[in-house]
Amino acid sequence: MSAFGSPLGDPESTVRRTVLPGGLRVVTEFLPSVRSVALGIWVGVGSRDEDEPHAGATHYLEHLLFKGTRQRTALDISAAMDAVGGELNAFTAKEYTCYYARVLDADLPLAIDVLSDMVTSSLIEPKDVDAERNVVLEEIAMNEDDPSDTVHEAFTAQLFGDTPLGRPVLGTVESINAMTREQIWEHYAAMYTPPHVVVAAAGNLEHDAVVARVQAAFENALVATSRETPAPPRLRKSGAVLWEGYGPFAGAGVKLVSRPIEQANLVLGCEGLARTDDRRFALGVLNAALGGGMSSRLFQEVREKRGLCYSIYSFHAPYADTGFFGLYTGTDPADAPEMMEVVVDIINESVETLTEAEIARAKAQMKAGLLMALESCSSRAEQLARHILAYGRPLTVEELVARIDAVSVESTRDAARELLSRSRPAVVALGSGRGLDTAVSFAEGLTTSKAKARLH
């Protein structure tokens, strides 16, 4: 067993890490001023780890782990947490899955026991697979009924194609209907192993006590594994590609999703930066200045001055080896052509004309968001786990703030120029109406090599 103090070896740090013999990592942060603890068991497997026959298996499995273990029924699991007023839930993302709870500090042993039991000893009975199939299909239907969710999912598919990164986390109706209990069990056995697991907790706790309880709860799994060290952070392998033909201009193009709804939903974006890219902080500042708040350029010009929409924002999502950057807005289909042209003009102008004041506001937004999130035990535990999976160690607040402070106007402009010069955009429009068709025609011009200069 090995233990570390803080990421920088600071003996005063309240963050501690321990690596158990099977490679499972435990990371905690002691917060003496609270009476609760947030606990998460994070597994470094997400929907991008699925091959086509297993599309949606990671999320399906997340549902099934609540259905019962050798020790507890589904009712026992939920009743145990409700009896102490605790919260229990889970989520699946592209690169990881998380099972989490929040309880009073005195009930942390129960939370560790329940979550660990779910992760290590679920039965995944055939009857539960069949019953939960309908629940997952209902979740897919609910997602498809939300225009905002649908247009973002279509954008990711347009950008990354028919690859694990481009496919929906939930899977499809076809893949879920075809999924067997054997496929899900196979996925569970292969992926839910100690070297891929991080247990993160933050709140009023004792690190050594958490480690002892986690080790006891995972005892059988730790003994069964042949690996002694944690799985390394997910990084792009040298020479590896996301899919055949991947490279500059991959994923460019326009997609129209026809829906009989009142509003046109538009997403325009391109490939972004990996989470280990040093320029990601400059891209984050660009994102905040361009569309991150009420003072951002997109909000001020499109909503405040022109009144073309209610909602407009930019976004960026980094992954281990790539990412995406873009903007979303919803508007009247008749206004969609004007909207598209205005948005492209704003992007073009921003690359060269961002001011010191705009950059300062964007940096303040990022730092405030980071620091205010740390007032939540759940946010602290989540940040610890994400950093361990992504970088192999937790990053300190001081490190993150320093990286944000180091961003300059010029480094922000450089990130924008590089981003837009290497990628033609992907554009997805969802809705109906003649105006939307016109906007799509304009967008098609942006995605051709001849018209590429129009966006940068």
Protein backbone atom coordinates (compact mmCIF):
# COMPACT_ATOMS: atom_id res chain seq x y z
CA MET A 1 0.00 0.00 0.00
CA SER A 2 1.35 3.43 -0.84
CA ALA A 3 0.13 6.78 0.42
CA PHE A 4 0.82 10.31 -0.67
CA GLY A 5 0.11 13.62 1.00
CA SER A 6 -0.81 16.28 -1.53
CA PRO A 7 0.00 16.48 -5.24
CA LEU A 8 2.97 18.69 -4.34
CA GLY A 9 3.96 16.86 -1.15
CA ASP A 10 2.61 19.60 1.13
CA PRO A 11 2.27 18.08 4.64
CA GLU A 12 -0.41 20.67 5.47
CA SER A 13 -2.67 19.59 2.62
CA THR A 14 -6.07 18.16 3.46
CA VAL A 15 -5.95 15.98 0.32
CA ARG A 16 -4.56 12.46 0.72
CA ARG A 17 -4.17 9.51 -1.66
CA THR A 18 -3.66 5.82 -1.12
CA VAL A 19 -3.11 3.10 -3.74
CA LEU A 20 -4.36 -0.30 -2.60
CA PRO A 21 -2.55 -3.52 -3.61
CA GLY A 22 -4.83 -4.24 -6.57
CA GLY A 23 -4.27 -0.78 -8.07
CA LEU A 24 -7.49 0.77 -6.74
CA ARG A 25 -7.00 4.40 -5.73
CA VAL A 26 -8.58 6.18 -2.77
CA VAL A 27 -8.40 9.98 -2.64
CA THR A 28 -10.00 12.12 0.06
CA GLU A 29 -10.22 15.71 1.19
CA PHE A 30 -10.87 16.55 4.82
CA LEU A 31 -13.29 19.46 5.36
CA PRO A 32 -13.73 19.96 9.11
CA SER A 33 -16.36 22.69 8.84
CA VAL A 34 -19.10 20.46 7.35
CA ARG A 35 -21.21 17.64 8.78
CA SER A 36 -21.61 15.67 5.55
CA VAL A 37 -19.50 13.61 3.15
CA ALA A 38 -19.76 13.23 -0.62
CA LEU A 39 -18.54 9.86 -1.88
CA GLY A 40 -18.07 8.68 -5.45
CA ILE A 41 -16.86 5.44 -6.97
CA TRP A 42 -15.52 6.33 -10.40
CA VAL A 43 -14.77 3.73 -13.04
CA GLY A 44 -12.56 4.76 -15.94
CA VAL A 45 -14.90 3.36 -18.57
CA GLY A 46 -17.38 5.32 -20.66
CA SER A 47 -19.33 5.00 -23.86
CA ARG A 48 -16.24 5.58 -25.99
CA ASP A 49 -14.87 2.25 -24.74
CA GLU A 50 -17.69 0.34 -26.45
CA ASP A 51 -17.46 -1.43 -29.76
CA GLU A 52 -20.52 -1.33 -32.00
CA PRO A 53 -22.20 -4.49 -30.59
CA HIS A 54 -21.87 -3.01 -27.09
CA ALA A 55 -23.12 0.51 -27.95
CA GLY A 56 -25.00 1.75 -24.89
CA ALA A 57 -23.79 -1.11 -22.66
CA THR A 58 -21.95 1.18 -20.21
CA HIS A 59 -25.05 3.24 -19.47
CA TYR A 60 -27.28 0.15 -19.45
CA LEU A 61 -24.92 -1.41 -16.90
CA GLU A 62 -25.08 1.73 -14.74
CA HIS A 63 -28.86 1.20 -14.43
CA LEU A 64 -28.49 -2.50 -13.65
CA LEU A 65 -26.10 -2.04 -10.73
CA PHE A 66 -29.03 -0.60 -8.76
CA LYS A 67 -31.11 -3.75 -9.29
CA GLY A 68 -29.57 -5.96 -6.65
CA THR A 69 -26.45 -7.75 -5.36
CA ARG A 70 -25.75 -10.99 -3.52
CA GLN A 71 -26.43 -9.14 -0.26
CA ARG A 72 -29.13 -6.61 -1.18
CA THR A 73 -32.24 -6.35 -3.30
CA ALA A 74 -32.99 -3.18 -5.26
CA LEU A 75 -35.31 -2.11 -2.44
CA ASP A 76 -32.62 -2.79 0.16
CA ILE A 77 -30.21 -0.50 -1.70
CA SER A 78 -32.57 2.45 -1.94
CA ALA A 79 -34.10 1.92 1.51
CA ALA A 80 -30.69 1.84 3.20
CA MET A 81 -29.85 5.31 1.89
CA ASP A 82 -33.34 6.76 2.39
CA ALA A 83 -33.30 5.57 6.01
CA VAL A 84 -30.40 7.92 6.78
CA GLY A 85 -31.59 10.78 4.57
CA GLY A 86 -28.83 10.18 2.05
CA GLU A 87 -28.68 10.81 -1.68
CA LEU A 88 -27.73 8.06 -4.14
CA ASN A 89 -27.35 8.26 -7.91
CA ALA A 90 -25.07 7.63 -10.87
CA PHE A 91 -24.20 8.90 -14.34
CA THR A 92 -22.37 7.72 -17.43
CA ALA A 93 -20.18 9.92 -19.64
CA LYS A 94 -17.98 9.38 -22.68
CA GLU A 95 -14.89 8.46 -20.67
CA TYR A 96 -16.04 7.39 -17.20
CA THR A 97 -18.94 6.21 -15.05
CA CYS A 98 -19.68 7.45 -11.54
CA TYR A 99 -21.77 6.07 -8.67
CA TYR A 100 -22.15 8.64 -5.92
CA ALA A 101 -23.76 9.31 -2.57
CA ARG A 102 -23.99 12.15 -0.10
CA VAL A 103 -24.64 11.38 3.55
CA LEU A 104 -24.09 12.75 7.04
CA ASP A 105 -20.54 12.09 8.23
CA ALA A 106 -21.69 9.42 10.70
CA ASP A 107 -23.26 7.45 7.82
CA LEU A 108 -20.18 7.34 5.59
CA PRO A 109 -19.45 3.65 6.46
CA LEU A 110 -22.92 2.73 5.19
CA ALA A 111 -22.42 4.68 1.95
CA ILE A 112 -19.08 2.97 1.31
CA ASP A 113 -20.61 -0.43 1.95
CA VAL A 114 -23.66 0.11 -0.29
CA LEU A 115 -21.79 1.66 -3.23
CA SER A 116 -18.96 -0.88 -3.07
CA ASP A 117 -21.44 -3.73 -2.95
CA MET A 118 -23.19 -2.41 -6.07
CA VAL A 119 -19.95 -2.00 -8.01
CA THR A 120 -18.38 -5.33 -7.06
CA SER A 121 -21.26 -7.75 -6.50
CA SER A 122 -24.20 -6.91 -8.75
CA LEU A 123 -26.08 -9.94 -10.08
CA ILE A 124 -27.32 -8.52 -13.39
CA GLU A 125 -30.17 -11.00 -13.53
CA PRO A 126 -31.76 -11.73 -16.93
CA LYS A 127 -35.16 -10.59 -15.61
CA ASP A 128 -33.67 -7.25 -14.55
CA VAL A 129 -31.99 -6.82 -17.93
CA ASP A 130 -35.36 -7.26 -19.63
CA ALA A 131 -37.22 -4.97 -17.23
CA GLU A 132 -34.59 -2.21 -17.38
CA ARG A 133 -34.49 -2.34 -21.17
CA ASN A 134 -37.80 -0.47 -21.28
CA VAL A 135 -36.49 2.12 -18.80
CA VAL A 136 -33.43 2.82 -20.97
CA LEU A 137 -35.62 3.04 -24.08
CA GLU A 138 -37.83 5.56 -22.26
CA GLU A 139 -34.75 7.60 -21.40
CA ILE A 140 -33.71 7.60 -25.06
CA ALA A 141 -37.23 8.72 -26.03
CA MET A 142 -37.15 11.49 -23.42
CA ASN A 143 -33.80 12.67 -24.75
CA GLU A 144 -35.11 12.72 -28.31
CA ASP A 145 -38.10 14.81 -27.20
CA ASP A 146 -35.74 17.56 -26.02
CA PRO A 147 -34.61 19.64 -29.03
CA SER A 148 -31.55 20.98 -27.22
CA ASP A 149 -30.33 17.49 -26.29
CA THR A 150 -31.06 16.17 -29.77
CA VAL A 151 -29.22 18.92 -31.63
CA HIS A 152 -26.12 18.60 -29.43
CA GLU A 153 -26.07 14.84 -29.89
CA ALA A 154 -26.46 15.26 -33.65
CA PHE A 155 -23.59 17.75 -33.63
CA THR A 156 -21.28 15.28 -31.85
CA ALA A 157 -22.24 12.58 -34.34
CA GLN A 158 -21.59 14.95 -37.25
CA LEU A 159 -18.17 15.90 -35.88
CA PHE A 160 -16.88 12.47 -34.82
CA GLY A 161 -18.84 10.22 -37.15
CA ASP A 162 -19.80 6.62 -36.50
CA THR A 163 -17.17 6.12 -33.82
CA PRO A 164 -17.52 5.43 -30.09
CA LEU A 165 -16.91 9.13 -29.44
CA GLY A 166 -19.57 10.14 -31.94
CA ARG A 167 -22.24 7.70 -30.81
CA PRO A 168 -24.75 8.61 -28.08
CA VAL A 169 -23.94 7.61 -24.50
CA LEU A 170 -27.37 6.02 -24.16
CA GLY A 171 -26.97 3.86 -27.25
CA THR A 172 -29.74 3.65 -29.82
CA VAL A 173 -33.13 1.98 -29.86
CA GLU A 174 -31.67 -0.71 -32.14
CA SER A 175 -28.56 -1.38 -30.02
CA ILE A 176 -30.51 -1.50 -26.73
CA ASN A 177 -33.16 -3.82 -28.15
CA ALA A 178 -30.41 -6.14 -29.38
CA MET A 179 -28.37 -6.07 -26.15
CA THR A 180 -28.14 -9.38 -24.28
CA ARG A 181 -27.40 -10.12 -20.66
CA GLU A 182 -24.21 -11.88 -21.76
CA GLN A 183 -22.95 -8.77 -23.57
CA ILE A 184 -23.55 -6.57 -20.53
CA TRP A 185 -21.95 -9.07 -18.15
CA GLU A 186 -18.96 -9.34 -20.48
CA HIS A 187 -18.59 -5.55 -20.41
CA TYR A 188 -18.92 -5.50 -16.60
CA ALA A 189 -16.32 -8.22 -16.03
CA ALA A 190 -13.81 -6.68 -18.44
CA MET A 191 -14.07 -3.05 -17.38
CA TYR A 192 -14.97 -2.94 -13.67
CA THR A 193 -11.57 -3.92 -12.31
CA PRO A 194 -9.65 -2.29 -9.42
CA PRO A 195 -6.92 -0.65 -11.56
CA HIS A 196 -9.65 1.38 -13.31
CA VAL A 197 -11.45 2.41 -10.10
CA VAL A 198 -11.05 5.61 -8.10
CA VAL A 199 -12.88 6.11 -4.82
CA ALA A 200 -13.13 9.83 -4.03
CA ALA A 201 -14.62 11.43 -0.94
CA ALA A 202 -14.76 14.94 0.49
CA GLY A 203 -16.18 16.18 3.77
CA ASN A 204 -15.81 15.52 7.48
CA LEU A 205 -13.86 12.26 7.30
CA GLU A 206 -10.69 10.46 8.29
CA HIS A 207 -8.62 9.26 5.35
CA ASP A 208 -7.26 6.12 7.01
CA ALA A 209 -10.75 5.05 8.09
CA VAL A 210 -12.05 5.50 4.52
CA VAL A 211 -9.13 3.47 3.14
CA ALA A 212 -9.72 0.63 5.60
CA ARG A 213 -13.42 0.40 4.78
CA VAL A 214 -12.83 0.57 1.02
CA GLN A 215 -10.17 -2.13 1.23
CA ALA A 216 -12.50 -4.39 3.20
CA ALA A 217 -15.40 -3.74 0.80
CA PHE A 218 -13.27 -4.47 -2.29
CA GLU A 219 -11.33 -7.33 -0.68
CA ASN A 220 -12.45 -10.07 -3.07
CA ALA A 221 -11.98 -7.89 -6.15
CA LEU A 222 -8.50 -6.81 -5.04
CA VAL A 223 -7.42 -10.41 -4.51
CA ALA A 224 -8.80 -11.48 -7.90
CA THR A 225 -6.84 -8.93 -9.94
CA SER A 226 -3.40 -9.73 -11.30
CA ARG A 227 -2.43 -6.09 -11.74
CA GLU A 228 -0.80 -4.23 -8.86
CA THR A 229 -0.70 -0.68 -10.25
CA PRO A 230 -3.46 1.72 -11.32
CA ALA A 231 -4.37 2.02 -14.96
CA PRO A 232 -2.52 5.04 -16.40
CA PRO A 233 -4.46 8.16 -17.42
CA ARG A 234 -6.31 7.78 -20.67
CA LEU A 235 -4.09 9.34 -23.32
CA ARG A 236 -4.00 9.15 -27.08
CA LYS A 237 -1.56 6.47 -28.13
CA SER A 238 1.21 7.50 -30.48
CA GLY A 239 0.07 7.16 -34.05
CA ALA A 240 -3.48 6.20 -33.05
CA VAL A 241 -6.42 7.77 -34.83
CA LEU A 242 -10.01 8.24 -33.76
CA TRP A 243 -11.25 6.71 -36.98
CA GLU A 244 -9.97 6.06 -40.49
CA GLY A 245 -9.42 9.31 -42.35
CA TYR A 246 -9.36 11.38 -39.15
CA GLY A 247 -7.37 14.61 -39.39
CA PRO A 248 -7.83 18.23 -40.43
CA PHE A 249 -11.34 18.89 -41.76
CA ALA A 250 -12.69 15.59 -40.42
CA GLY A 251 -16.30 15.87 -39.37
CA ALA A 252 -17.03 18.99 -41.40
CA GLY A 253 -20.42 19.30 -42.99
CA VAL A 254 -24.03 20.22 -42.43
CA LYS A 255 -26.89 18.16 -41.09
CA LEU A 256 -30.55 19.15 -40.98
CA VAL A 257 -32.72 17.31 -38.46
CA SER A 258 -36.31 17.90 -39.47
CA ARG A 259 -38.71 18.36 -36.56
CA PRO A 260 -42.16 20.05 -36.53
CA ILE A 261 -41.27 22.48 -33.72
CA GLU A 262 -41.59 26.24 -33.36
CA GLN A 263 -37.94 27.08 -32.85
CA ALA A 264 -34.84 26.48 -34.95
CA ASN A 265 -32.02 24.99 -32.88
CA LEU A 266 -28.55 25.62 -34.30
CA VAL A 267 -25.11 24.31 -33.30
CA LEU A 268 -21.95 25.37 -35.11
CA GLY A 269 -18.53 24.10 -34.04
CA CYS A 270 -15.32 22.28 -34.78
CA GLU A 271 -12.76 19.95 -33.27
CA GLY A 272 -11.31 21.37 -30.06
CA LEU A 273 -8.36 20.62 -27.79
CA ALA A 274 -7.50 17.63 -25.62
CA ARG A 275 -7.65 18.12 -21.87
CA THR A 276 -3.87 17.77 -21.58
CA ASP A 277 -3.20 20.45 -24.21
CA ASP A 278 -1.52 23.45 -22.58
CA ARG A 279 -3.69 25.79 -24.66
CA ARG A 280 -6.91 24.55 -23.06
CA PHE A 281 -6.87 27.39 -20.54
CA ALA A 282 -6.64 29.98 -23.30
CA LEU A 283 -9.49 28.21 -25.07
CA GLY A 284 -11.49 28.32 -21.84
CA VAL A 285 -10.97 32.08 -21.62
CA LEU A 286 -12.00 32.46 -25.28
CA ASN A 287 -15.12 30.42 -24.56
CA ALA A 288 -16.08 32.65 -21.61
CA ALA A 289 -15.43 35.88 -23.54
CA LEU A 290 -17.26 34.72 -26.64
CA GLY A 291 -20.36 33.16 -25.11
CA GLY A 292 -19.94 32.44 -21.42
CA GLY A 293 -22.09 35.08 -19.77
CA MET A 294 -24.37 38.08 -20.16
CA SER A 295 -21.45 40.37 -21.01
CA SER A 296 -20.11 38.00 -23.70
CA ARG A 297 -20.02 39.10 -27.30
CA LEU A 298 -22.58 36.60 -28.51
CA PHE A 299 -25.10 37.45 -25.79
CA GLN A 300 -24.69 41.20 -26.16
CA GLU A 301 -24.87 41.35 -29.95
CA VAL A 302 -27.36 38.58 -30.72
CA ARG A 303 -29.77 38.79 -27.80
CA GLU A 304 -29.40 42.25 -26.27
CA LYS A 305 -28.91 44.36 -29.42
CA ARG A 306 -30.75 42.36 -32.07
CA GLY A 307 -33.25 40.36 -30.02
CA LEU A 308 -32.79 37.29 -32.22
CA CYS A 309 -32.97 34.67 -29.47
CA TYR A 310 -33.56 33.89 -25.83
CA SER A 311 -30.61 31.53 -25.35
CA ILE A 312 -27.15 31.64 -26.93
CA TYR A 313 -23.86 30.37 -25.57
CA SER A 314 -20.54 28.85 -26.58
CA PHE A 315 -19.02 25.68 -25.14
CA HIS A 316 -15.95 23.49 -25.22
CA ALA A 317 -15.59 19.88 -24.12
CA PRO A 318 -12.11 18.31 -23.82
CA TYR A 319 -11.44 14.60 -24.00
CA ALA A 320 -8.25 12.59 -23.58
CA ASP A 321 -7.12 13.00 -27.17
CA THR A 322 -9.37 15.59 -28.77
CA GLY A 323 -12.39 17.74 -27.94
CA PHE A 324 -14.95 20.03 -29.51
CA PHE A 325 -15.72 23.73 -29.45
CA GLY A 326 -18.87 25.40 -30.64
CA LEU A 327 -21.91 27.50 -29.96
CA TYR A 328 -25.63 26.88 -29.59
CA THR A 329 -28.65 29.07 -30.12
CA GLY A 330 -32.37 28.72 -30.61
CA THR A 331 -34.31 31.19 -32.73
CA ASP A 332 -37.37 31.65 -34.93
CA PRO A 333 -36.79 29.78 -38.21
CA ALA A 334 -37.42 33.04 -40.09
CA ASP A 335 -34.49 34.63 -38.22
CA ALA A 336 -32.13 31.69 -38.71
CA PRO A 337 -30.37 33.09 -41.83
CA GLU A 338 -29.60 36.41 -40.12
CA MET A 339 -28.59 34.57 -36.97
CA MET A 340 -26.09 32.39 -38.82
CA GLU A 341 -24.44 35.34 -40.57
CA VAL A 342 -24.24 37.43 -37.41
CA VAL A 343 -22.72 34.58 -35.43
CA VAL A 344 -20.04 33.94 -38.06
CA ASP A 345 -19.18 37.67 -38.15
CA ILE A 346 -18.83 37.76 -34.37
CA ILE A 347 -16.50 34.74 -34.38
CA ASN A 348 -14.35 36.26 -37.10
CA GLU A 349 -14.11 39.63 -35.36
CA SER A 350 -13.41 38.12 -31.95
CA VAL A 351 -10.29 36.36 -33.14
CA GLU A 352 -8.51 39.68 -33.74
CA THR A 353 -10.33 42.20 -31.55
CA LEU A 354 -10.73 40.68 -28.07
CA THR A 355 -9.81 43.34 -25.52
CA GLU A 356 -7.95 43.30 -22.21
CA ALA A 357 -11.22 44.09 -20.42
CA GLU A 358 -13.03 41.15 -22.03
CA ILE A 359 -10.18 38.78 -21.19
CA ALA A 360 -10.06 40.03 -17.60
CA ARG A 361 -13.81 39.45 -17.19
CA ALA A 362 -13.55 35.97 -18.69
CA LYS A 363 -10.68 35.01 -16.40
CA ALA A 364 -12.58 36.31 -13.37
CA GLN A 365 -15.59 34.21 -14.41
CA MET A 366 -13.49 31.07 -14.68
CA LYS A 367 -11.76 31.58 -11.34
CA ALA A 368 -14.98 32.43 -9.54
CA GLY A 369 -16.69 29.35 -10.95
CA LEU A 370 -13.77 27.18 -9.85
CA LEU A 371 -13.59 28.63 -6.34
CA MET A 372 -17.32 28.75 -5.67
CA ALA A 373 -17.67 25.12 -6.72
CA LEU A 374 -15.24 24.20 -3.95
CA GLU A 375 -17.84 25.20 -1.37
CA SER A 376 -19.64 21.95 -2.26
CA CYS A 377 -18.43 18.60 -0.93
CA SER A 378 -19.80 16.93 -4.05
CA SER A 379 -17.88 19.26 -6.38
CA ARG A 380 -14.66 18.70 -4.44
CA ALA A 381 -14.99 14.91 -4.57
CA GLU A 382 -15.84 15.05 -8.27
CA GLN A 383 -12.84 17.25 -9.05
CA LEU A 384 -10.49 14.90 -7.19
CA ALA A 385 -11.71 11.88 -9.14
CA ARG A 386 -11.72 13.59 -12.52
CA HIS A 387 -8.14 14.76 -12.02
CA ILE A 388 -6.92 11.33 -10.90
CA LEU A 389 -8.46 9.70 -13.99
CA ALA A 390 -7.28 12.42 -16.38
CA TYR A 391 -3.83 13.33 -15.04
CA GLY A 392 -2.92 10.64 -12.52
CA ARG A 393 -2.97 13.14 -9.64
CA PRO A 394 -5.23 15.86 -8.26
CA LEU A 395 -4.38 19.37 -9.42
CA THR A 396 -4.31 22.03 -6.73
CA VAL A 397 -6.53 25.09 -6.82
CA GLU A 398 -3.38 27.20 -6.84
CA GLU A 399 -2.15 25.43 -9.98
CA LEU A 400 -5.44 25.94 -11.79
CA VAL A 401 -5.76 29.60 -10.82
CA ALA A 402 -2.16 30.25 -11.89
CA ARG A 403 -2.82 28.70 -15.31
CA ILE A 404 -5.89 30.88 -15.77
CA ASP A 405 -4.01 34.01 -14.65
CA ALA A 406 -1.25 33.26 -17.16
CA VAL A 407 -3.63 33.54 -20.13
CA SER A 408 -3.12 36.74 -22.11
CA VAL A 409 -5.01 38.48 -24.88
CA GLU A 410 -2.47 37.24 -27.38
CA SER A 411 -2.50 33.62 -26.19
CA THR A 412 -6.31 33.66 -26.40
CA ARG A 413 -6.20 35.02 -29.95
CA ASP A 414 -3.53 32.46 -30.87
CA ALA A 415 -5.71 29.61 -29.59
CA ALA A 416 -8.65 30.92 -31.61
CA ARG A 417 -6.59 31.31 -34.79
CA GLU A 418 -5.11 27.83 -34.50
CA LEU A 419 -8.45 26.25 -33.76
CA LEU A 420 -10.30 27.86 -36.65
CA SER A 421 -7.48 27.49 -39.16
CA ARG A 422 -7.22 23.71 -38.82
CA SER A 423 -10.89 22.78 -38.91
CA ARG A 424 -13.83 23.46 -41.13
CA PRO A 425 -16.98 23.66 -39.06
CA ALA A 426 -19.71 21.14 -38.51
CA VAL A 427 -23.19 22.67 -38.46
CA VAL A 428 -26.40 21.03 -37.27
CA ALA A 429 -29.84 22.62 -37.54
CA LEU A 430 -32.95 21.14 -35.96
CA GLY A 431 -36.44 22.35 -36.78
CA SER A 432 -38.44 23.22 -39.87
CA GLY A 433 -39.35 26.19 -42.05
CA ARG A 434 -38.06 28.02 -45.10
CA GLY A 435 -35.75 30.23 -43.03
CA LEU A 436 -34.02 27.20 -41.64
CA ASP A 437 -33.42 25.88 -45.16
CA THR A 438 -31.80 29.20 -46.07
CA ALA A 439 -29.59 29.07 -42.96
CA VAL A 440 -28.55 25.53 -43.84
CA SER A 441 -27.62 26.66 -47.37
CA PHE A 442 -25.46 29.40 -45.87
CA ALA A 443 -23.86 26.89 -43.52
CA GLU A 444 -23.08 24.53 -46.38
CA GLY A 445 -21.00 27.30 -47.90
CA LEU A 446 -18.96 27.53 -44.69
CA THR A 447 -18.03 23.85 -44.80
CA THR A 448 -16.60 23.80 -48.32
CA SER A 449 -12.86 24.29 -48.82
CA LYS A 450 -13.49 27.23 -51.17
CA ALA A 451 -15.55 29.08 -48.57
CA LYS A 452 -13.45 27.99 -45.60
CA ALA A 453 -11.98 31.49 -45.21
CA ARG A 454 -15.40 32.90 -44.40
CA LEU A 455 -15.18 31.53 -40.88
CA HIS A 456 -11.67 32.70 -40.05
